[in-house]
Protein backbone atom coordinates (compact mmCIF):
# COMPACT_ATOMS: atom_id res chain seq x y z
CA MET A 1 0.00 0.00 0.00
CA LEU A 2 1.14 3.54 -0.77
CA VAL A 3 0.07 6.41 1.48
CA ILE A 4 0.15 10.01 0.19
CA CYS A 5 -0.44 12.98 2.48
CA ASN A 6 -0.02 16.73 2.17
CA GLY A 7 1.08 18.51 5.32
CA HIS A 8 2.58 18.21 8.79
CA GLY A 9 -0.78 17.58 10.49
CA GLU A 10 -1.78 15.07 7.83
CA ASP A 11 1.56 13.28 8.28
CA LEU A 12 0.86 12.87 12.00
CA ILE A 13 -2.65 11.56 11.36
CA ALA A 14 -1.38 9.15 8.71
CA LEU A 15 1.34 7.92 11.06
CA ARG A 16 -1.16 7.09 13.83
CA VAL A 17 -3.31 5.11 11.37
CA LEU A 18 -0.32 3.32 9.84
CA GLU A 19 1.00 2.33 13.27
CA ALA A 20 -2.38 0.73 14.03
CA LEU A 21 -2.46 -0.93 10.59
CA HIS A 22 1.07 -2.27 11.08
CA ARG A 23 0.05 -3.82 14.40
CA LYS A 24 -2.95 -5.41 12.68
CA CYS A 25 -1.09 -6.51 9.50
CA PRO A 26 2.63 -6.68 10.42
CA ASN A 27 3.62 -8.24 7.08
CA LEU A 28 1.90 -5.63 4.93
CA PRO A 29 4.46 -3.61 2.88
CA ILE A 30 3.67 0.09 3.38
CA GLU A 31 5.21 3.06 1.57
CA VAL A 32 4.62 6.74 2.24
CA LEU A 33 4.96 9.74 -0.07
CA PRO A 34 4.76 13.13 1.70
CA LEU A 35 3.56 15.69 -0.85
CA VAL A 36 4.50 18.69 1.34
CA GLY A 37 7.72 18.89 3.31
CA VAL A 38 10.04 15.99 3.99
CA GLY A 39 7.71 13.94 6.21
CA GLN A 40 9.74 14.18 9.39
CA ALA A 41 6.86 12.65 11.38
CA PHE A 42 7.67 9.29 9.77
CA GLU A 43 11.37 9.20 10.74
CA HIS A 44 11.06 6.67 13.60
CA ALA A 45 8.87 4.34 11.54
CA LEU A 46 11.31 4.56 8.64
CA ALA A 47 14.24 3.80 10.96
CA ALA A 48 12.36 0.82 12.39
CA GLY A 49 12.08 -0.59 8.87
CA TRP A 50 8.36 -1.32 8.65
CA LEU A 51 7.67 1.85 6.62
CA LYS A 52 9.46 3.01 3.46
CA ARG A 53 9.58 6.46 1.91
CA LEU A 54 8.85 6.78 -1.80
CA GLY A 55 9.44 9.52 -4.31
CA PRO A 56 10.80 13.07 -4.23
CA SER A 57 10.03 15.53 -1.44
CA ALA A 58 11.06 19.07 -0.65
CA PRO A 59 10.18 21.81 1.86
CA LEU A 60 8.02 24.51 0.29
CA PRO A 61 8.23 28.24 1.19
CA SER A 62 4.52 28.39 2.07
CA GLY A 63 4.74 25.32 4.28
CA GLY A 64 1.88 23.78 2.30
CA PHE A 65 -0.48 26.76 2.65
CA SER A 66 -0.24 28.16 -0.87
CA ASN A 67 -4.05 27.85 -1.12
CA GLN A 68 -4.37 30.58 1.54
CA SER A 69 -1.95 33.10 0.04
CA LEU A 70 -1.21 34.25 -3.50
CA ARG A 71 2.27 35.22 -2.34
CA GLY A 72 2.75 31.72 -0.93
CA LEU A 73 1.58 30.13 -4.20
CA ILE A 74 3.99 32.27 -6.24
CA ALA A 75 6.85 31.38 -3.88
CA ASP A 76 6.03 27.65 -4.14
CA LEU A 77 5.86 27.79 -7.94
CA ALA A 78 9.22 29.58 -8.01
CA ALA A 79 10.65 26.86 -5.76
CA GLY A 80 9.66 24.15 -8.26
CA LEU A 81 6.20 23.08 -7.08
CA THR A 82 5.00 22.16 -10.58
CA LEU A 83 7.96 19.87 -11.34
CA LEU A 84 7.84 18.35 -7.86
CA SER A 85 4.12 17.56 -8.17
CA TRP A 86 4.66 16.01 -11.62
CA ARG A 87 7.43 13.75 -10.31
CA GLN A 88 5.31 12.76 -7.31
CA TRP A 89 2.32 11.95 -9.51
CA ARG A 90 4.50 9.69 -11.67
CA CYS A 91 5.52 7.76 -8.54
CA VAL A 92 1.88 7.36 -7.54
CA ARG A 93 0.97 6.25 -11.06
CA ARG A 94 3.74 3.62 -11.11
CA SER A 95 2.61 2.29 -7.74
CA ALA A 96 -0.98 1.94 -8.94
CA LYS A 97 0.15 0.11 -12.07
CA ALA A 98 2.14 -2.25 -9.85
CA GLY A 99 -1.11 -3.18 -8.11
CA LYS A 100 -0.62 -1.22 -4.87
CA ALA A 101 -3.64 0.23 -3.12
CA ILE A 102 -3.41 4.01 -2.63
CA LEU A 103 -4.48 5.72 0.58
CA ALA A 104 -4.82 9.52 0.33
CA VAL A 105 -4.77 11.53 3.57
CA GLY A 106 -5.60 15.23 3.50
CA ASP A 107 -7.73 17.23 1.06
CA LEU A 108 -8.10 17.71 -2.68
CA LEU A 109 -4.45 17.31 -3.76
CA PRO A 110 -3.82 13.76 -2.47
CA LEU A 111 -7.38 12.77 -3.43
CA LEU A 112 -6.83 13.99 -7.00
CA MET A 113 -3.48 12.22 -7.22
CA ALA A 114 -5.03 8.97 -6.00
CA TRP A 115 -7.89 9.20 -8.51
CA SER A 116 -5.63 10.11 -11.43
CA SER A 117 -3.34 7.15 -10.69
CA GLY A 118 -5.87 4.82 -12.29
CA GLY A 119 -5.72 2.41 -9.34
CA THR A 120 -7.95 1.60 -6.39
CA TYR A 121 -7.79 4.07 -3.54
CA GLY A 122 -9.19 5.15 -0.22
CA PHE A 123 -9.44 8.62 1.26
CA ILE A 124 -9.20 10.02 4.79
CA GLY A 125 -10.43 13.62 4.61
CA THR A 126 -8.77 15.41 7.51
CA PRO A 127 -9.14 19.21 7.27
CA LYS A 128 -12.81 19.81 6.47
CA SER A 129 -15.76 19.62 8.84
CA ASP A 130 -19.31 20.88 8.49
CA TYR A 131 -19.01 22.28 12.01
CA THR A 132 -17.01 25.18 10.53
CA TRP A 133 -20.08 26.61 8.80
CA ARG A 134 -22.88 25.18 10.96
CA SER A 135 -21.39 26.78 14.10
CA GLY A 136 -21.96 30.56 14.33
CA PRO A 137 -21.46 33.30 13.45
CA GLY A 138 -20.88 32.10 9.87
CA ARG A 139 -21.32 35.37 8.01
CA ALA A 140 -18.46 34.88 5.53
CA LEU A 141 -19.21 34.29 1.85
CA SER A 142 -17.64 30.84 2.15
CA ASP A 143 -20.14 29.94 4.90
CA HIS A 144 -23.07 30.85 2.64
CA TYR A 145 -21.46 28.81 -0.15
CA HIS A 146 -21.09 25.73 2.08
CA ARG A 147 -24.64 26.17 3.38
CA LEU A 148 -25.90 26.21 -0.21
CA LYS A 149 -24.05 22.95 -0.95
CA GLY A 150 -24.88 21.34 2.39
CA SER A 151 -21.25 20.28 2.80
CA GLU A 152 -17.85 21.92 3.20
CA TRP A 153 -16.51 19.51 0.57
CA ASP A 154 -16.93 20.71 -3.01
CA PRO A 155 -18.74 19.09 -5.99
CA TRP A 156 -15.50 18.11 -7.75
CA GLU A 157 -14.36 16.41 -4.52
CA TRP A 158 -17.69 14.54 -4.27
CA ALA A 159 -17.08 13.26 -7.80
CA LEU A 160 -13.64 11.89 -6.92
CA MET A 161 -15.03 10.26 -3.77
CA ARG A 162 -17.90 8.67 -5.72
CA SER A 163 -15.57 6.98 -8.22
CA SER A 164 -16.01 3.22 -8.52
CA ARG A 165 -12.27 2.89 -7.78
CA CYS A 166 -12.64 4.72 -4.45
CA ARG A 167 -13.18 1.90 -1.97
CA MET A 168 -13.50 3.94 1.25
CA VAL A 169 -14.04 7.51 2.41
CA ALA A 170 -13.56 8.45 6.07
CA VAL A 171 -14.03 11.93 7.50
CA ARG A 172 -13.56 13.48 10.91
CA ASP A 173 -17.13 13.54 12.31
CA HIS A 174 -20.62 12.18 11.73
CA LEU A 175 -22.01 15.59 10.80
CA THR A 176 -19.59 15.84 7.86
CA ALA A 177 -20.18 12.21 6.84
CA ARG A 178 -23.93 12.83 6.79
CA GLY A 179 -23.47 15.86 4.52
CA LEU A 180 -21.40 13.81 2.08
CA ARG A 181 -23.89 10.92 2.06
CA LEU A 182 -26.58 13.37 0.92
CA HIS A 183 -24.45 13.80 -2.21
CA GLY A 184 -24.00 10.10 -2.89
CA VAL A 185 -20.65 9.61 -1.13
CA ALA A 186 -20.50 6.53 1.12
CA ALA A 187 -18.63 8.42 3.81
CA LYS A 188 -17.94 7.01 7.27
CA ALA A 189 -16.70 8.52 10.53
CA PRO A 190 -15.12 5.57 12.37
CA GLY A 191 -12.96 7.60 14.78
CA ASN A 192 -10.46 10.39 15.26
CA PRO A 193 -6.78 9.36 15.13
CA MET A 194 -5.73 12.81 16.35
CA MET A 195 -6.69 11.85 19.91
CA ASP A 196 -4.46 8.77 20.05
CA GLY A 197 -0.95 8.56 21.48
CA PHE A 198 -1.20 10.88 24.49
CA LYS A 199 0.49 9.94 27.76
CA VAL A 200 -1.60 10.15 30.91
CA GLU A 201 0.63 11.16 33.82
CA SER A 202 -0.04 12.93 37.09
CA ILE A 203 1.10 16.55 37.31
CA PRO A 204 4.65 16.72 38.73
CA ALA A 205 4.87 18.16 42.21
CA ALA A 206 7.28 20.83 40.93
CA LEU A 207 4.45 22.32 38.84
CA ASN A 208 1.59 21.91 41.31
CA ARG A 209 2.11 25.33 42.91
CA CYS A 210 2.03 27.08 39.50
CA ARG A 211 -0.72 27.98 37.09
CA ARG A 212 0.14 25.98 34.00
CA LEU A 213 -0.06 27.11 30.36
CA LEU A 214 0.91 25.32 27.17
CA LEU A 215 2.31 27.49 24.38
CA LEU A 216 2.10 26.22 20.80
CA CYS A 217 3.56 28.57 18.19
CA GLY A 218 3.31 26.27 15.14
CA SER A 219 5.98 24.51 13.12
CA ARG A 220 6.61 26.65 10.04
CA MET A 221 9.38 29.20 10.17
CA PRO A 222 9.64 32.15 10.08
CA GLU A 223 5.93 32.47 10.95
CA ALA A 224 6.27 30.30 14.08
CA GLY A 225 9.03 32.51 15.47
CA MET A 226 7.03 35.68 14.93
CA ASN A 227 3.95 34.13 16.54
CA PHE A 228 6.03 32.93 19.49
CA LYS A 229 7.17 36.51 20.12
CA ARG A 230 3.61 37.84 19.86
CA LEU A 231 2.30 35.28 22.35
CA LEU A 232 5.08 36.21 24.77
CA GLU A 233 4.09 39.86 24.44
CA GLY A 234 0.51 38.92 25.34
CA LEU A 235 1.77 37.04 28.38
CA GLY A 236 3.70 40.14 29.39
CA GLN A 237 0.38 42.02 29.72
CA LEU A 238 -0.96 39.53 32.30
CA ASP A 239 -1.55 41.16 35.69
CA SER A 240 -0.86 38.35 38.14
CA ASP A 241 1.46 37.73 41.07
CA LEU A 242 0.87 33.98 40.91
CA PRO A 243 3.76 31.79 39.72
CA LEU A 244 3.15 30.83 36.10
CA ALA A 245 4.65 27.77 34.39
CA VAL A 246 4.65 28.18 30.60
CA LEU A 247 5.35 24.89 28.84
CA VAL A 248 6.55 25.51 25.27
CA ALA A 249 6.12 22.32 23.25
CA PHE A 250 7.56 22.22 19.73
CA GLY A 251 8.99 19.88 17.10
CA SER A 252 12.00 20.16 14.84
CA GLN A 253 10.98 23.72 13.89
CA PRO A 254 11.47 26.25 15.29
CA SER A 255 14.77 25.12 16.78
CA LEU A 256 15.74 25.48 20.42
CA ASN A 257 18.34 28.10 19.49
CA GLN A 258 15.80 30.16 17.55
CA LEU A 259 13.35 30.23 20.47
CA GLU A 260 16.09 31.06 22.97
CA ALA A 261 17.24 34.00 20.85
CA ILE A 262 13.69 35.42 21.00
CA LEU A 263 13.50 34.88 24.77
CA ARG A 264 16.80 36.65 25.28
CA THR A 265 15.65 39.74 23.37
CA ASP A 266 12.36 39.71 25.30
CA GLY A 267 14.11 39.98 28.67
CA TYR A 268 14.00 36.36 29.86
CA LEU A 269 16.99 34.96 31.73
CA PRO A 270 18.34 31.38 31.47
CA SER A 271 17.87 29.16 34.52
CA THR A 272 17.89 25.49 35.57
CA PRO A 273 14.71 23.36 35.19
CA PRO A 274 13.15 22.62 38.60
CA ILE A 275 13.58 18.86 38.08
CA ASP A 276 15.20 16.79 35.32
CA THR A 277 12.20 14.45 34.88
CA LEU A 278 10.05 17.21 33.34
CA GLY A 279 11.72 16.61 29.98
CA ALA A 280 12.63 20.27 29.44
CA LYS A 281 15.73 21.03 27.40
CA ALA A 282 15.97 24.57 28.73
CA CYS A 283 14.41 26.84 31.35
CA TRP A 284 14.02 30.64 31.25
CA VAL A 285 12.55 32.99 33.83
CA LYS A 286 11.08 36.48 33.83
CA GLY A 287 9.37 37.84 36.93
CA THR A 288 6.88 35.22 38.13
CA GLN A 289 7.06 33.30 34.83
CA LEU A 290 8.91 29.99 34.56
CA LEU A 291 9.19 29.07 30.89
CA LEU A 292 10.20 25.50 29.93
CA LEU A 293 11.25 24.54 26.39
CA GLY A 294 10.42 20.95 25.47
CA PRO A 295 11.07 19.65 21.94
CA GLY A 296 8.96 16.54 21.36
CA GLN A 297 7.12 16.90 24.68
CA PHE A 298 3.64 17.85 23.43
CA ASN A 299 2.06 14.41 23.93
CA ARG A 300 3.31 14.34 27.52
CA TRP A 301 2.86 17.96 28.57
CA ALA A 302 -0.55 18.66 27.05
CA ALA A 303 -2.61 17.02 29.80
CA TRP A 304 -0.72 18.90 32.56
CA THR A 305 -1.95 22.32 31.49
CA GLU A 306 -4.95 24.49 32.30
CA VAL A 307 -5.07 26.81 29.26
CA GLY A 308 -3.35 26.82 25.87
CA LEU A 309 -1.86 29.83 24.06
CA VAL A 310 -1.79 28.80 20.44
CA THR A 311 -1.03 29.70 16.85
CA ALA A 312 -1.00 26.09 15.63
CA GLY A 313 -3.32 23.85 13.64
CA THR A 314 -3.50 20.13 14.42
CA ALA A 315 -1.85 20.44 17.85
CA THR A 316 -4.47 23.00 18.91
CA GLU A 317 -7.28 20.62 17.98
CA GLN A 318 -5.60 17.86 19.97
CA LEU A 319 -5.10 20.08 23.01
CA VAL A 320 -8.73 21.21 23.00
CA GLY A 321 -9.80 17.60 22.47
CA LEU A 322 -8.14 16.77 25.80
CA GLY A 323 -10.55 19.18 27.47
CA ILE A 324 -8.19 22.15 27.72
CA PRO A 325 -9.51 25.49 26.40
CA ALA A 326 -7.17 27.70 24.40
CA LEU A 327 -6.64 31.28 23.30
CA SER A 328 -5.31 31.97 19.82
CA MET A 329 -3.78 35.08 18.33
CA PRO A 330 -3.94 35.30 14.53
CA GLY A 331 -1.13 37.10 12.73
CA PRO A 332 0.02 37.98 9.21
CA GLY A 333 0.28 34.34 8.11
CA PRO A 334 0.66 32.56 5.75
CA GLN A 335 -1.04 29.91 7.92
CA PHE A 336 -2.40 31.33 11.14
CA LYS A 337 -4.34 34.32 9.85
CA ARG A 338 -7.66 35.65 11.15
CA GLN A 339 -9.73 33.57 8.74
CA PHE A 340 -7.92 30.38 9.79
CA ALA A 341 -8.34 31.21 13.49
CA MET A 342 -12.08 31.91 13.14
CA ARG A 343 -12.61 28.70 11.20
CA GLN A 344 -10.72 26.77 13.86
CA SER A 345 -12.82 28.36 16.60
CA ARG A 346 -16.09 27.37 14.90
CA LEU A 347 -14.79 23.86 14.27
CA LEU A 348 -14.07 23.46 17.99
CA GLY A 349 -17.30 25.04 19.21
CA GLY A 350 -15.59 28.11 20.67
CA ALA A 351 -13.29 26.05 22.89
CA VAL A 352 -10.44 28.02 21.29
CA LEU A 353 -11.04 31.78 21.38
CA PRO A 354 -9.27 34.08 18.87
CA CYS A 355 -7.83 37.31 20.32
CA GLN A 356 -7.09 40.34 18.18
CA SER A 357 -4.52 41.99 20.44
CA LYS A 358 -2.07 41.15 23.21
CA GLU A 359 -4.26 43.07 25.67
CA GLU A 360 -7.30 40.97 24.75
CA LEU A 361 -5.21 37.81 25.10
CA ALA A 362 -4.12 38.81 28.61
CA ASP A 363 -7.66 39.79 29.68
CA ARG A 364 -9.18 36.52 28.46
CA LEU A 365 -6.37 34.50 30.01
CA GLN A 366 -6.94 36.24 33.35
CA ARG A 367 -10.62 35.32 33.19
CA LEU A 368 -9.99 31.68 32.27
CA LEU A 369 -7.48 31.22 35.08
CA LYS A 370 -9.92 32.69 37.62
CA ASP A 371 -13.07 30.91 36.40
CA ASP A 372 -12.82 27.14 36.88
CA SER A 373 -16.39 26.54 35.66
CA LEU A 374 -15.74 28.41 32.39
CA ARG A 375 -12.58 26.38 31.73
CA GLN A 376 -14.46 23.15 32.39
CA ARG A 377 -17.41 24.12 30.19
CA LEU A 378 -15.20 25.03 27.25
CA GLY A 379 -13.13 21.89 27.84
CA ARG A 380 -16.22 19.69 27.62
CA ILE A 381 -17.20 21.31 24.31
CA GLY A 382 -13.74 20.68 22.85
CA ASN A 383 -13.75 17.09 24.05
CA ARG A 384 -17.12 16.43 22.42
CA ARG A 385 -16.02 17.97 19.10
CA MET A 386 -12.80 15.90 18.92
CA GLY A 387 -13.96 12.62 20.47
CA THR A 388 -12.05 10.01 22.41
CA ALA A 389 -9.00 7.89 21.69
CA GLY A 390 -9.21 4.74 19.55
CA GLY A 391 -9.85 6.18 16.09
CA SER A 392 -6.58 4.89 14.62
CA ALA A 393 -7.49 1.26 15.26
CA ALA A 394 -11.00 1.78 13.86
CA LEU A 395 -9.60 3.38 10.70
CA ALA A 396 -7.00 0.62 10.33
CA ALA A 397 -9.81 -1.97 10.47
CA LEU A 398 -11.76 -0.03 7.84
CA ILE A 399 -8.72 0.15 5.55
CA SER A 400 -8.09 -3.56 6.01
CA GLN A 401 -11.68 -4.44 5.15
CA LEU A 402 -12.55 -2.02 2.35
CA LEU A 403 -9.26 -1.03 0.72
CA LEU A 404 -7.08 -4.09 1.22
CA GLY A 405 -9.91 -6.62 0.94
CA HIS A 406 -9.55 -8.30 4.31
CA THR A 407 -12.72 -9.73 5.75
CA ARG A 408 -13.05 -8.60 9.35
CA ALA A 409 -15.44 -5.65 9.69
CA PRO A 410 -14.39 -2.60 11.71
CA ARG A 411 -16.14 -1.58 14.88
CA GLN A 412 -17.76 1.78 14.28
CA ARG A 413 -16.64 4.58 16.57
CA SER A 414 -17.74 8.20 16.67
CA PHE A 415 -15.30 11.05 16.12
CA ASP A 416 -17.44 13.08 18.47
CA THR A 417 -20.92 13.65 19.78
CA PRO A 418 -22.66 16.08 17.41
């Protein structure tokens, strides 16, 4: 089987599903072709040998968000997007001719590549949900357009999903699946892989006396660095004498050195982490703030926190799905702009609240930290929208049955409670 996916968040979702599929079918040869970026999420699986990387890949200037910015599209085209896509499509086509099943994870681009390969394929549609236009306020032209269609997915996407060679379609929630079924697409919502893989640990004693925040600035530079600085500026407006532990979870980008350079210019001072077992690579302090930098610590740190400060995509959805409300702060982009932040807020039922200024961020953070009932209410909404763990195994069973032709039927599981 060949898996094609188009973005960092999609890579993580695909990885969770493939890990479950590998446990179910350990002898199944699986290849992956990341269409955007180099697919760093797959590194451990590639090193373990049960997953192989196929085809060309390259980081793009827009970080995969050329559909949200004309400038980003022009930069990607100048960086060789057209030639890269052509070479990737040829790899997909050769795989289909060799009899491999194709699994597309993401949106239109991988779906179109899978369809145009001429082979059999399945599709996991990750970014679109009908909650984004059914949840208020929904006054944008795009919301009226989706309401007219009755689905956030578009007619040309319905056509690709209805193809006789498309053996399975899975989307993120039952509301979205129902909208697609009204247009003749046999869509299912067996579960949400984004909520798998989190560690459940008690809060360390060293953090118990602090109010705990999780800061997620995103993974695409230079935007992530600029957003990190803006979130710090919002924190600086907070009027509180309480000790504050700010857990900064990040991946390979931005780097530790890049974040520390920003902290230094913002007046933070280097210190020693309170205990080694926290997993922090560095500790910085400023006034009552204790700021811990933890590359690769998101899955562990997320459940320790009370509120998130975010300019991220998939990680924000995961955090809110754990029952932790968040405050976002849209910037100039190319990814985390106002339109993206508002869409994300509607998707998550208001469990993540966009702020337009650092003063608004500080005011809303103050209120959330003081009001336990508000935090819990927003957390319950986020948890319902994202659902519980177990979606990866349910999707692996669906792939095994419908795409690979194995006989055991998957147990249906809801992404959420509409």
